[in-house]
Amino acid sequence: MKKLFSILKCFCTIFLALTFSISTSLNANAQSLLRDTEIEATLRAYTDPILRAANLNSSSVDLYLVNDKSLNAFVTRGQNIFIHTGLILEAETPNQLKGVLAHESGHIAGGHLVRRDQSNKSAYGAMLIAAGIGIAAILAGESGAGATILAGSQQFGTIDVLAHSRINEASADQAAAKYLEITGQSGKGLVEFFEKFRYQEVLSNARRYPYFRGHPLSSDRIDKLREVTSESQYANVKDTPEEIKAMAMAKAKLIGFLDAPQTVFSKYPPTDTSKPARYARAVAHYRAADLRNAIKSIDTLIADEPENPYFYELKGQIYHESGKGKLALAPLREAVRLMPQAPLLEIALAQSLIEVDTPQAIASATKHLKSALQKENTNSYAWYLLSQAYDRDDEPSLARYAIAEQAFAMGDYNRARSFAMRSQTGLNNPSAQWRRASDIIVVAEIHLAKKRNRRR
């Protein structure tokens, strides 16, 4: 009996090890997300045509920029595509980046997340069968053979998962080539991207980039993808100058904000007078607390492109975060004028207006925040700023309501319910805010009840 208990303990250990290895490979580590209107617009311009080619509703697919220098991109349930900053910086051309985005779109359109769940169940089944045979052999007196089978049971499950993963990866490759063909673009970028990292195939899983752990690479995959893309009538189509410029500016901005200022100045020396170089140096000067040179650099860009809203946005950000809120208003107003449909620009302007704290400024901030929230109603920071605007406008009930919305957007259901209930005491029944507060209370209580039940 003691021997059987030891065998079962070994079996459970293997089972838990397999469970852990699969779950960790399928779930991304929590990382901070970056928001930037310019980079998001660039990614959208690359992705939306591909999504339409995949018969996906582009407005239903969300793109997220992850602040992580490792090379990675992945999709999650709910049609979400996550792009690491490291992947953008590593891609050499827009076509390479579009190839990866098309590949991830192929995973969504192909329903691979659902199939992967089924693959995991199949892997568990294969492991359990192998482990059962091993235990039976040991109990029958064949301890040596049984131990060998039992020890290898984890491998049976792992092989099953990897086999399904390779099928999905090859399918996503072919789908990517198809979407790029439909949109009149070359698929060579994805081949070039894979070729660049072909060596990852021979590395151990621990030494691979995160992208190639979740997207196992093989020479066979690359060869089949090259064959398909080379036959396309659009095989030799090049990126447009506008696409190349947008990617260069996005890279420069990321490097300016993510690298140390001295590293930025080394990558973009003063002798480099290109727009990306001046952009990166403007950010680096600002981060080095050199306000004079930061504004000087961004002003040269504005002089070159007076209709570029992103340059005004950066100038406003530099002034605002340097403690010069009033000076930030003019460039931020111009950014919003040039790009009125960008919620992040309106939120930035509202933030500076609240700090000015005059009745006119508060009224304008409230207007811009309401406009931004019509486009992004789950933007928790916009709700927080709106609560400040309401508070300074002597509207405590509306301020509490805005805090309830902020908490609800962040998943803090206890706080959301509390502030929603408090807000209702001063709101007119049945105003739109009063009804929405009631909805928050009901939904929050459901979530809290589920949480309590899980603890039992």
Protein backbone atom coordinates (compact mmCIF):
# COMPACT_ATOMS: atom_id res chain seq x y z
CA MET A 1 0.00 0.00 0.00
CA LYS A 2 2.84 2.32 0.86
CA LYS A 3 4.39 1.55 -2.54
CA LEU A 4 1.12 2.33 -4.29
CA PHE A 5 0.84 5.65 -2.43
CA SER A 6 4.37 6.53 -3.55
CA ILE A 7 3.46 5.68 -7.15
CA LEU A 8 0.31 7.80 -7.01
CA LYS A 9 2.26 10.67 -5.47
CA CYS A 10 4.73 10.48 -8.37
CA PHE A 11 1.85 10.41 -10.83
CA CYS A 12 0.25 13.50 -9.27
CA THR A 13 3.56 15.35 -9.37
CA ILE A 14 3.93 14.64 -13.08
CA PHE A 15 0.31 15.64 -13.70
CA LEU A 16 0.76 18.95 -11.89
CA ALA A 17 4.03 19.61 -13.71
CA LEU A 18 2.35 19.15 -17.07
CA THR A 19 -0.60 21.31 -16.01
CA PHE A 20 1.76 24.09 -14.94
CA SER A 21 3.91 23.91 -18.07
CA ILE A 22 0.90 24.15 -20.37
CA SER A 23 -0.84 26.95 -18.47
CA THR A 24 2.28 29.09 -18.25
CA SER A 25 2.97 28.69 -21.94
CA LEU A 26 -0.53 29.85 -22.86
CA ASN A 27 -0.89 32.81 -20.51
CA ALA A 28 1.14 35.96 -20.96
CA ASN A 29 2.89 37.46 -17.99
CA ALA A 30 1.24 40.59 -16.69
CA GLN A 31 2.95 43.55 -18.29
CA SER A 32 2.25 47.26 -18.33
CA LEU A 33 0.40 48.55 -21.37
CA LEU A 34 1.41 51.68 -23.27
CA ARG A 35 -1.05 54.14 -24.79
CA ASP A 36 0.06 56.40 -27.58
CA THR A 37 -2.22 57.85 -30.26
CA GLU A 38 0.45 57.92 -32.95
CA ILE A 39 1.70 54.35 -32.51
CA GLU A 40 -1.82 53.00 -32.11
CA ALA A 41 -2.86 54.77 -35.33
CA THR A 42 0.14 53.26 -37.16
CA LEU A 43 -0.68 49.75 -35.96
CA ARG A 44 -4.34 50.25 -36.88
CA ALA A 45 -3.41 51.43 -40.38
CA TYR A 46 -1.38 48.24 -40.85
CA THR A 47 -3.91 45.89 -39.23
CA ASP A 48 -7.42 46.99 -40.22
CA PRO A 49 -7.15 46.07 -43.94
CA ILE A 50 -5.84 42.65 -42.91
CA LEU A 51 -8.71 42.12 -40.48
CA ARG A 52 -11.23 42.99 -43.17
CA ALA A 53 -9.54 40.52 -45.52
CA ALA A 54 -9.96 37.90 -42.78
CA ASN A 55 -13.70 38.71 -42.60
CA LEU A 56 -13.23 40.07 -39.10
CA ASN A 57 -14.87 43.25 -37.82
CA SER A 58 -11.89 45.56 -37.26
CA SER A 59 -13.80 47.54 -34.61
CA SER A 60 -14.25 44.32 -32.61
CA VAL A 61 -10.53 43.46 -32.57
CA ASP A 62 -8.55 45.41 -29.98
CA LEU A 63 -4.83 46.14 -30.30
CA TYR A 64 -2.68 46.53 -27.20
CA LEU A 65 0.90 47.79 -26.98
CA VAL A 66 2.86 45.99 -24.26
CA ASN A 67 5.79 47.76 -22.63
CA ASP A 68 8.24 44.90 -22.98
CA LYS A 69 11.44 44.86 -25.00
CA SER A 70 11.25 41.11 -25.56
CA LEU A 71 10.19 39.97 -29.01
CA ASN A 72 6.60 38.79 -28.73
CA ALA A 73 3.05 39.09 -30.05
CA PHE A 74 0.02 37.01 -29.12
CA VAL A 75 -3.76 36.87 -29.19
CA THR A 76 -6.19 36.22 -26.36
CA ARG A 77 -9.87 35.46 -26.08
CA GLY A 78 -12.20 38.30 -26.94
CA GLN A 79 -10.27 39.05 -30.16
CA ASN A 80 -7.35 40.91 -28.61
CA ILE A 81 -3.95 41.28 -30.26
CA PHE A 82 -1.00 42.19 -28.02
CA ILE A 83 2.19 43.58 -29.57
CA HIS A 84 5.38 43.95 -27.53
CA THR A 85 7.41 47.09 -28.10
CA GLY A 86 10.36 44.77 -28.67
CA LEU A 87 8.72 43.30 -31.76
CA ILE A 88 8.15 46.74 -33.29
CA LEU A 89 11.75 47.70 -32.63
CA GLU A 90 13.03 44.39 -34.07
CA ALA A 91 10.98 44.50 -37.28
CA GLU A 92 13.07 46.01 -40.07
CA THR A 93 10.23 47.01 -42.40
CA PRO A 94 6.50 47.73 -42.14
CA ASN A 95 5.93 44.62 -44.29
CA GLN A 96 7.60 42.45 -41.65
CA LEU A 97 5.42 43.92 -38.92
CA LYS A 98 2.31 43.56 -41.08
CA GLY A 99 3.24 39.93 -41.69
CA VAL A 100 3.25 39.22 -37.95
CA LEU A 101 -0.05 41.07 -37.52
CA ALA A 102 -1.54 39.03 -40.38
CA HIS A 103 -0.32 35.84 -38.71
CA GLU A 104 -1.96 36.79 -35.41
CA SER A 105 -5.14 37.67 -37.31
CA GLY A 106 -5.01 34.17 -38.76
CA HIS A 107 -5.08 32.71 -35.24
CA ILE A 108 -8.23 34.71 -34.44
CA ALA A 109 -10.01 33.93 -37.72
CA GLY A 110 -9.06 30.26 -37.46
CA GLY A 111 -10.46 29.90 -33.94
CA HIS A 112 -7.14 28.55 -32.73
CA LEU A 113 -7.67 29.62 -29.13
CA VAL A 114 -10.67 27.30 -28.86
CA ARG A 115 -8.82 24.51 -30.64
CA ARG A 116 -5.85 24.99 -28.36
CA ASP A 117 -8.09 24.39 -25.34
CA GLN A 118 -9.22 21.19 -27.00
CA SER A 119 -5.60 20.27 -27.66
CA ASN A 120 -4.79 20.74 -23.98
CA LYS A 121 -7.62 18.36 -23.05
CA SER A 122 -6.26 15.88 -25.58
CA ALA A 123 -2.79 16.27 -24.07
CA TYR A 124 -4.14 15.55 -20.60
CA GLY A 125 -5.86 12.46 -22.02
CA ALA A 126 -2.69 11.15 -23.63
CA MET A 127 -0.75 11.75 -20.43
CA LEU A 128 -3.38 10.04 -18.26
CA ILE A 129 -3.51 6.98 -20.53
CA ALA A 130 0.27 6.63 -20.54
CA ALA A 131 0.46 7.13 -16.77
CA GLY A 132 -2.32 4.57 -16.24
CA ILE A 133 -0.44 1.99 -18.29
CA GLY A 134 2.70 2.68 -16.29
CA ILE A 135 0.93 2.23 -12.96
CA ALA A 136 -0.72 -0.99 -14.17
CA ALA A 137 2.68 -2.38 -15.25
CA ILE A 138 4.19 -1.59 -11.84
CA LEU A 139 1.28 -3.27 -10.01
CA ALA A 140 1.68 -6.30 -12.29
CA GLY A 141 5.27 -6.68 -11.18
CA GLU A 142 6.99 -5.02 -14.16
CA SER A 143 8.38 -2.18 -12.08
CA GLY A 144 11.18 -1.27 -14.49
CA ALA A 145 8.99 -0.99 -17.57
CA GLY A 146 6.20 0.66 -15.58
CA ALA A 147 8.52 3.31 -14.17
CA THR A 148 9.83 4.10 -17.66
CA ILE A 149 6.31 4.51 -19.07
CA LEU A 150 5.22 6.57 -16.06
CA ALA A 151 8.23 8.85 -16.32
CA GLY A 152 7.55 9.40 -20.01
CA SER A 153 3.85 10.12 -19.61
CA GLN A 154 4.47 13.85 -19.42
CA GLN A 155 6.24 13.68 -22.77
CA PHE A 156 3.21 12.05 -24.39
CA GLY A 157 1.09 15.06 -23.44
CA THR A 158 3.72 17.59 -24.44
CA ILE A 159 4.18 16.02 -27.88
CA ASP A 160 0.42 16.13 -28.42
CA VAL A 161 0.25 19.86 -27.57
CA LEU A 162 3.22 20.71 -29.78
CA ALA A 163 1.78 18.76 -32.69
CA HIS A 164 -1.44 20.72 -32.53
CA SER A 165 0.54 23.95 -32.10
CA ARG A 166 2.54 23.31 -35.28
CA ILE A 167 -0.68 22.69 -37.19
CA ASN A 168 -2.13 25.99 -35.96
CA GLU A 169 1.07 27.89 -36.75
CA ALA A 170 1.20 26.54 -40.30
CA SER A 171 -2.48 27.37 -40.73
CA ALA A 172 -1.93 30.94 -39.48
CA ASP A 173 1.02 31.31 -41.89
CA GLN A 174 -1.12 30.33 -44.87
CA ALA A 175 -3.94 32.60 -43.68
CA ALA A 176 -1.50 35.51 -43.33
CA ALA A 177 -0.27 35.01 -46.89
CA LYS A 178 -3.89 34.95 -48.11
CA TYR A 179 -4.85 38.16 -46.26
CA LEU A 180 -1.79 40.00 -47.57
CA GLU A 181 -2.61 38.80 -51.08
CA ILE A 182 -6.19 40.07 -50.78
CA THR A 183 -4.95 43.49 -49.63
CA GLY A 184 -2.42 43.71 -52.48
CA GLN A 185 0.61 43.41 -50.22
CA SER A 186 3.66 41.19 -50.27
CA GLY A 187 3.98 38.25 -47.92
CA LYS A 188 7.76 38.32 -48.13
CA GLY A 189 7.99 40.36 -44.94
CA LEU A 190 6.76 37.46 -42.81
CA VAL A 191 9.23 35.12 -44.52
CA GLU A 192 12.05 37.61 -43.90
CA PHE A 193 11.03 37.93 -40.27
CA PHE A 194 11.08 34.15 -39.77
CA GLU A 195 14.36 33.82 -41.70
CA LYS A 196 15.95 36.39 -39.44
CA PHE A 197 15.19 34.20 -36.46
CA ARG A 198 15.57 30.76 -38.05
CA TYR A 199 18.30 29.98 -35.53
CA GLN A 200 15.65 30.00 -32.80
CA GLU A 201 14.57 26.56 -34.04
CA VAL A 202 17.68 24.88 -32.63
CA LEU A 203 17.69 26.68 -29.27
CA SER A 204 16.20 25.21 -26.12
CA ASN A 205 12.77 26.53 -25.22
CA ALA A 206 14.19 28.50 -22.28
CA ARG A 207 16.63 30.35 -24.57
CA ARG A 208 14.13 31.28 -27.27
CA TYR A 209 12.43 34.64 -27.59
CA PRO A 210 8.93 34.53 -26.05
CA TYR A 211 7.38 34.81 -29.52
CA PHE A 212 9.03 31.61 -30.71
CA ARG A 213 8.10 29.71 -27.56
CA GLY A 214 4.43 30.25 -28.31
CA HIS A 215 4.98 30.13 -32.09
CA PRO A 216 7.35 27.19 -32.64
CA LEU A 217 9.44 27.83 -35.74
CA SER A 218 10.61 25.20 -38.22
CA SER A 219 12.43 25.18 -41.54
CA ASP A 220 9.50 23.33 -43.06
CA ARG A 221 7.15 26.16 -42.07
CA ILE A 222 9.43 28.79 -43.58
CA ASP A 223 9.88 26.83 -46.83
CA LYS A 224 6.13 26.33 -47.31
CA LEU A 225 5.42 29.98 -46.55
CA ARG A 226 8.11 31.12 -49.00
CA GLU A 227 6.63 28.92 -51.72
CA VAL A 228 3.18 30.46 -51.27
CA THR A 229 4.32 34.08 -51.02
CA SER A 230 6.69 33.87 -53.99
CA GLU A 231 3.81 32.83 -56.25
CA SER A 232 1.76 35.91 -55.36
CA GLN A 233 1.32 38.59 -57.99
CA TYR A 234 2.11 41.08 -55.21
CA ALA A 235 5.33 39.36 -54.10
CA ASN A 236 7.51 42.33 -55.02
CA VAL A 237 5.21 45.11 -53.80
CA LYS A 238 7.14 47.48 -51.56
CA ASP A 239 6.05 49.45 -48.51
CA THR A 240 4.87 52.96 -49.29
CA PRO A 241 7.00 55.94 -48.22
CA GLU A 242 4.20 56.92 -45.81
CA GLU A 243 4.28 53.48 -44.16
CA ILE A 244 8.06 53.55 -43.87
CA LYS A 245 7.99 57.01 -42.34
CA ALA A 246 5.24 56.07 -39.85
CA MET A 247 7.23 53.07 -38.64
CA ALA A 248 10.47 55.06 -38.37
CA MET A 249 8.72 57.73 -36.29
CA ALA A 250 7.07 55.11 -34.08
CA LYS A 251 10.43 53.44 -33.46
CA ALA A 252 12.08 56.78 -32.71
CA LYS A 253 9.39 57.68 -30.19
CA LEU A 254 9.64 54.28 -28.46
CA ILE A 255 13.42 54.49 -28.27
CA GLY A 256 13.21 58.06 -26.95
CA PHE A 257 10.87 57.08 -24.14
CA LEU A 258 12.18 53.59 -23.31
CA ASP A 259 15.96 53.94 -23.62
CA ALA A 260 18.23 55.99 -21.39
CA PRO A 261 18.82 59.51 -22.80
CA GLN A 262 22.52 58.87 -23.42
CA THR A 263 21.65 55.69 -25.32
CA VAL A 264 19.22 57.70 -27.45
CA PHE A 265 21.84 60.35 -28.21
CA SER A 266 24.21 57.57 -29.24
CA LYS A 267 21.66 55.99 -31.59
CA TYR A 268 20.59 59.36 -32.97
CA PRO A 269 23.65 61.67 -32.84
CA PRO A 270 23.30 65.42 -33.54
CA THR A 271 24.75 64.85 -37.01
CA ASP A 272 21.57 62.93 -37.88
CA THR A 273 19.08 65.63 -38.85
CA SER A 274 16.33 63.26 -40.03
CA LYS A 275 12.86 63.65 -38.57
CA PRO A 276 13.01 60.37 -36.59
CA ALA A 277 16.34 61.44 -35.08
CA ARG A 278 15.04 64.86 -34.05
CA TYR A 279 11.90 63.21 -32.66
CA ALA A 280 13.89 60.77 -30.52
CA ARG A 281 16.24 63.50 -29.32
CA ALA A 282 13.33 65.78 -28.36
CA VAL A 283 12.01 63.03 -26.08
CA ALA A 284 15.48 62.26 -24.72
CA HIS A 285 16.16 65.95 -23.92
CA TYR A 286 12.83 66.13 -22.10
CA ARG A 287 13.59 62.98 -20.09
CA ALA A 288 17.02 64.44 -19.26
CA ALA A 289 15.25 67.54 -17.88
CA ASP A 290 16.68 69.70 -20.68
CA LEU A 291 13.48 71.64 -21.45
CA ARG A 292 15.13 74.23 -23.71
CA ASN A 293 16.60 71.68 -26.15
CA ALA A 294 13.50 69.49 -25.98
CA ILE A 295 11.26 72.35 -27.13
CA LYS A 296 13.85 73.49 -29.66
CA SER A 297 13.93 70.01 -31.23
CA ILE A 298 10.16 69.61 -31.37
CA ASP A 299 9.74 73.14 -32.79
CA THR A 300 11.94 72.23 -35.76
CA LEU A 301 9.60 69.32 -36.48
CA ILE A 302 6.51 71.52 -36.17
CA ALA A 303 8.09 73.96 -38.60
CA ASP A 304 8.56 71.11 -41.08
CA GLU A 305 5.07 69.65 -40.56
CA PRO A 306 2.71 72.26 -39.09
CA GLU A 307 -0.29 69.92 -39.61
CA ASN A 308 1.14 67.00 -37.64
CA PRO A 309 -0.92 66.61 -34.42
CA TYR A 310 1.60 64.28 -32.78
CA PHE A 311 4.30 66.95 -32.65
CA TYR A 312 1.94 69.34 -30.86
CA GLU A 313 0.92 66.53 -28.51
CA LEU A 314 4.54 65.89 -27.55
CA LYS A 315 5.20 69.61 -27.05
CA GLY A 316 2.16 69.85 -24.78
CA GLN A 317 3.25 66.77 -22.85
CA ILE A 318 6.74 68.18 -22.36
CA TYR A 319 5.36 71.46 -20.99
CA HIS A 320 2.74 69.77 -18.81
CA GLU A 321 5.12 67.26 -17.22
CA SER A 322 7.72 69.98 -16.72
CA GLY A 323 5.31 71.90 -14.50
CA LYS A 324 4.30 74.47 -17.12
CA GLY A 325 0.64 73.58 -17.53
CA LYS A 326 -0.48 76.89 -19.01
CA LEU A 327 2.13 76.66 -21.78
CA ALA A 328 0.84 73.15 -22.56
CA LEU A 329 -2.65 74.39 -23.46
CA ALA A 330 -1.89 75.96 -26.86
CA PRO A 331 -0.08 72.96 -28.41
CA LEU A 332 -2.60 70.49 -26.95
CA ARG A 333 -5.52 72.53 -28.29
CA GLU A 334 -3.86 72.47 -31.70
CA ALA A 335 -3.36 68.70 -31.49
CA VAL A 336 -7.06 68.23 -30.73
CA ARG A 337 -8.05 70.61 -33.52
CA LEU A 338 -5.98 68.64 -36.01
CA MET A 339 -7.19 65.24 -34.73
CA PRO A 340 -10.55 65.71 -32.97
CA GLN A 341 -11.43 62.00 -32.98
CA ALA A 342 -8.45 60.97 -30.83
CA PRO A 343 -9.63 60.45 -27.22
CA LEU A 344 -6.13 60.42 -25.73
CA LEU A 345 -5.45 63.89 -27.09
CA GLU A 346 -8.66 65.23 -25.55
CA ILE A 347 -7.79 63.60 -22.23
CA ALA A 348 -4.33 65.21 -22.27
CA LEU A 349 -5.86 68.62 -22.95
CA ALA A 350 -8.47 68.13 -20.22
CA GLN A 351 -5.75 67.26 -17.72
CA SER A 352 -3.96 70.56 -18.34
CA LEU A 353 -7.24 72.50 -18.25
CA ILE A 354 -8.12 71.05 -14.84
CA GLU A 355 -4.79 72.22 -13.48
CA VAL A 356 -5.49 75.76 -14.72
CA ASP A 357 -8.62 75.55 -12.53
CA THR A 358 -10.74 78.44 -13.76
CA PRO A 359 -14.50 78.04 -14.35
CA GLN A 360 -13.98 78.30 -18.11
CA ALA A 361 -11.13 75.78 -18.04
CA ILE A 362 -13.14 73.29 -15.95
CA ALA A 363 -16.13 73.60 -18.28
CA SER A 364 -13.89 72.97 -21.29
CA ALA A 365 -12.20 70.02 -19.56
CA THR A 366 -15.58 68.46 -18.79
CA LYS A 367 -16.64 68.85 -22.41
CA HIS A 368 -13.47 67.17 -23.73
CA LEU A 369 -13.63 64.34 -21.20
CA LYS A 370 -17.24 63.57 -22.06
CA SER A 371 -16.28 63.55 -25.73
CA ALA A 372 -13.34 61.20 -25.06
CA LEU A 373 -15.51 58.85 -22.99
CA GLN A 374 -18.01 58.58 -25.81
CA LYS A 375 -15.18 56.95 -27.79
CA GLU A 376 -13.55 55.05 -24.90
CA ASN A 377 -16.12 54.58 -22.15
CA THR A 378 -13.86 52.24 -20.17
CA ASN A 379 -10.93 54.66 -19.93
CA SER A 380 -10.51 54.73 -16.17
CA TYR A 381 -8.15 57.73 -16.16
CA ALA A 382 -10.67 59.83 -18.10
CA TRP A 383 -13.32 58.97 -15.50
CA TYR A 384 -10.90 59.95 -12.72
CA LEU A 385 -10.23 63.33 -14.36
CA LEU A 386 -13.96 63.84 -14.88
CA SER A 387 -14.51 63.24 -11.17
CA GLN A 388 -11.97 66.00 -10.48
CA ALA A 389 -13.71 68.35 -12.90
CA TYR A 390 -17.10 67.67 -11.29
CA ASP A 391 -15.64 68.17 -7.82
CA ARG A 392 -14.16 71.55 -8.75
CA ASP A 393 -17.48 72.49 -10.33
CA ASP A 394 -19.16 71.73 -6.95
CA GLU A 395 -21.00 68.64 -8.24
CA PRO A 396 -20.20 66.05 -5.52
CA SER A 397 -22.79 63.49 -6.61
CA LEU A 398 -21.55 63.52 -10.19
CA ALA A 399 -17.98 63.31 -8.89
CA ARG A 400 -18.90 60.17 -6.90
CA TYR A 401 -20.63 58.76 -9.96
CA ALA A 402 -17.47 59.30 -12.06
CA ILE A 403 -15.38 57.53 -9.39
CA ALA A 404 -17.85 54.63 -9.51
CA GLU A 405 -17.31 54.41 -13.27
CA GLN A 406 -13.53 54.57 -12.79
CA ALA A 407 -13.60 51.74 -10.25
CA PHE A 408 -15.95 49.68 -12.42
CA ALA A 409 -13.65 50.06 -15.43
CA MET A 410 -10.73 48.86 -13.29
CA GLY A 411 -12.64 45.85 -11.97
CA ASP A 412 -12.75 47.18 -8.41
CA TYR A 413 -16.37 46.15 -7.88
CA ASN A 414 -16.54 46.79 -4.14
CA ARG A 415 -15.44 50.40 -4.58
CA ALA A 416 -17.62 50.81 -7.68
CA ARG A 417 -20.73 49.68 -5.79
CA SER A 418 -19.92 51.90 -2.81
CA PHE A 419 -19.50 55.08 -4.87
CA ALA A 420 -22.47 54.27 -7.12
CA MET A 421 -24.71 53.96 -4.06
CA ARG A 422 -23.35 57.19 -2.59
CA SER A 423 -23.81 59.05 -5.85
CA GLN A 424 -27.50 58.15 -6.10
CA THR A 425 -28.37 60.11 -2.98
CA GLY A 426 -27.76 63.37 -4.87
CA LEU A 427 -28.71 62.38 -8.41
CA ASN A 428 -32.11 62.92 -9.91
CA ASN A 429 -34.15 59.77 -10.32
CA PRO A 430 -34.34 58.68 -13.14
CA SER A 431 -31.43 60.67 -14.70
CA ALA A 432 -29.02 58.86 -17.04
CA GLN A 433 -26.32 58.84 -14.35
CA TRP A 434 -28.75 57.51 -11.71
CA ARG A 435 -29.78 54.63 -13.99
CA ARG A 436 -26.18 53.86 -14.88
CA ALA A 437 -25.26 53.89 -11.16
CA SER A 438 -28.05 51.33 -10.59
CA ASP A 439 -26.56 49.12 -13.33
CA ILE A 440 -23.12 49.37 -11.74
CA ILE A 441 -24.54 48.34 -8.36
CA VAL A 442 -26.33 45.29 -9.80
CA VAL A 443 -23.38 44.07 -11.87
CA ALA A 444 -20.89 44.74 -9.06
CA GLU A 445 -22.99 42.74 -6.60
CA ILE A 446 -23.11 39.80 -9.03
CA HIS A 447 -19.31 39.82 -9.35
CA LEU A 448 -18.83 40.14 -5.60
CA ALA A 449 -21.24 37.25 -4.95
CA LYS A 450 -19.31 35.05 -7.40
CA LYS A 451 -16.07 35.98 -5.66
CA ARG A 452 -17.52 35.01 -2.27
CA ASN A 453 -18.74 31.68 -3.64
CA ARG A 454 -15.30 30.85 -5.04
CA ARG A 455 -13.78 31.35 -1.59
CA ARG A 456 -16.10 28.78 0.00
